[in-house]
Protein backbone atom coordinates (compact mmCIF):
# COMPACT_ATOMS: atom_id res chain seq x y z
CA UNK A 1 57.85 -114.57 65.13
CA UNK A 2 57.67 -111.81 68.10
CA UNK A 3 58.93 -112.29 71.62
CA UNK A 4 57.51 -111.34 75.03
CA UNK A 5 59.45 -108.40 75.88
CA UNK A 6 59.17 -105.33 78.75
CA UNK A 7 57.08 -103.59 75.98
CA UNK A 8 54.65 -106.24 75.27
CA UNK A 9 50.67 -106.10 76.54
CA UNK A 10 49.25 -108.44 78.80
CA UNK A 11 45.77 -109.22 78.02
CA UNK A 12 43.52 -110.28 81.00
CA UNK A 13 39.33 -109.92 80.15
CA UNK A 14 38.98 -106.59 79.39
CA UNK A 15 42.24 -105.06 81.33
CA UNK A 16 45.57 -104.86 80.01
CA UNK A 17 48.95 -104.67 80.90
CA UNK A 18 51.93 -103.14 80.34
CA UNK A 19 54.65 -106.36 81.22
CA UNK A 20 56.94 -104.03 82.62
CA UNK A 21 54.70 -102.60 85.39
CA UNK A 22 53.74 -105.88 86.24
CA UNK A 23 57.22 -106.54 86.66
CA UNK A 24 57.33 -103.48 88.80
CA UNK A 25 54.38 -103.95 90.95
CA UNK A 26 54.68 -107.86 91.18
CA UNK A 27 58.40 -108.50 90.69
CA UNK A 28 60.21 -111.13 88.77
CA UNK A 29 63.07 -114.13 89.07
CA UNK A 30 65.87 -115.84 87.23
CA UNK A 31 65.58 -119.23 86.90
CA UNK A 32 67.84 -121.60 84.74
CA UNK A 33 68.67 -118.57 82.58
CA UNK A 34 65.27 -117.27 82.07
CA UNK A 35 63.20 -114.30 83.58
CA UNK A 36 59.95 -114.59 84.81
CA UNK A 37 57.78 -111.99 85.21
CA UNK A 38 54.84 -112.59 87.97
CA UNK A 39 51.34 -112.13 86.69
CA UNK A 40 50.40 -111.09 90.21
CA UNK A 41 51.22 -111.44 93.87
CA UNK A 42 52.46 -115.00 95.35
CA UNK A 43 50.11 -116.99 96.86
CA UNK A 44 50.73 -118.56 100.50
CA UNK A 45 50.22 -121.84 100.98
CA UNK A 46 48.74 -124.02 104.12
CA UNK A 47 50.19 -122.35 107.10
CA UNK A 48 48.19 -124.43 109.82
CA UNK A 49 50.07 -127.24 107.91
CA UNK A 50 53.27 -126.33 107.13
CA UNK A 51 55.77 -124.30 109.34
CA UNK A 52 56.47 -122.43 106.49
CA UNK A 53 54.67 -122.78 103.41
CA UNK A 54 55.76 -122.55 99.72
CA UNK A 55 54.14 -119.58 97.93
CA UNK A 56 52.77 -119.80 94.35
CA UNK A 57 52.43 -117.28 91.37
CA UNK A 58 51.51 -117.17 87.77
CA UNK A 59 53.86 -115.59 85.49
CA UNK A 60 55.51 -115.43 81.79
CA UNK A 61 58.94 -115.50 80.82
CA UNK A 62 60.79 -112.41 78.97
CA UNK A 63 62.16 -113.74 75.44
CA UNK A 64 59.35 -116.86 75.25
CA UNK A 65 57.41 -116.90 71.54
CA UNK A 66 54.67 -115.74 71.03
CA UNK A 67 52.34 -117.59 68.24
CA UNK A 68 48.81 -116.41 67.22
CA UNK A 69 48.50 -113.75 70.05
CA UNK A 70 49.00 -116.33 73.23
CA UNK A 71 52.58 -117.00 75.11
CA UNK A 72 52.85 -119.51 77.44
CA UNK A 73 51.61 -119.35 81.35
CA UNK A 74 54.25 -120.66 83.61
CA UNK A 75 53.48 -121.96 87.47
CA UNK A 76 56.62 -120.54 89.92
CA UNK A 77 57.08 -121.94 93.55
CA UNK A 78 59.16 -120.06 95.71
CA UNK A 79 60.07 -121.11 99.10
CA UNK A 80 59.14 -119.66 102.41
CA UNK A 81 62.30 -117.01 102.02
CA UNK A 82 61.40 -116.22 98.21
CA UNK A 83 63.80 -118.27 96.25
CA UNK A 84 62.94 -120.28 93.41
CA UNK A 85 61.86 -123.99 93.92
CA UNK A 86 60.59 -124.54 90.45
CA UNK A 87 58.86 -123.28 87.30
CA UNK A 88 56.52 -125.60 85.38
CA UNK A 89 54.65 -124.82 82.53
CA UNK A 90 51.30 -127.56 83.25
CA UNK A 91 50.77 -127.73 79.19
CA UNK A 92 46.72 -128.06 79.41
CA UNK A 93 44.28 -126.11 81.21
CA UNK A 94 40.70 -127.64 82.45
CA UNK A 95 39.22 -127.37 79.00
CA UNK A 96 42.17 -129.14 77.24
CA UNK A 97 43.31 -126.21 75.79
CA UNK A 98 47.37 -124.87 75.99
CA UNK A 99 47.93 -123.14 79.22
CA UNK A 100 48.69 -119.39 77.80
CA UNK A 101 47.97 -115.73 78.36
CA UNK A 102 46.91 -113.28 75.84
CA UNK A 103 49.74 -110.83 74.69
CA UNK A 104 49.37 -107.68 72.34
């Protein structure tokens, strides 16, 4: 089986991004022995209701198994100062399909 590496390519619609470029531009975090590469910039939570809101970002894990051209899509929660609060895999998307990212 193939694994997600820095040379893997993430497909988002018609756009394709190399994982190493995503890591360079958006960053990554290490959490419980795994490295998670962000798929975009973190989105800050509601600053009106909380003094130091958490940030949320989607990520892929380096070394994760690629099955049928797809890898799991993780949700990373960061504290206000950039530390990892938690990494979650929600399981299914809104349509009941596995929450995955297309990988080439």
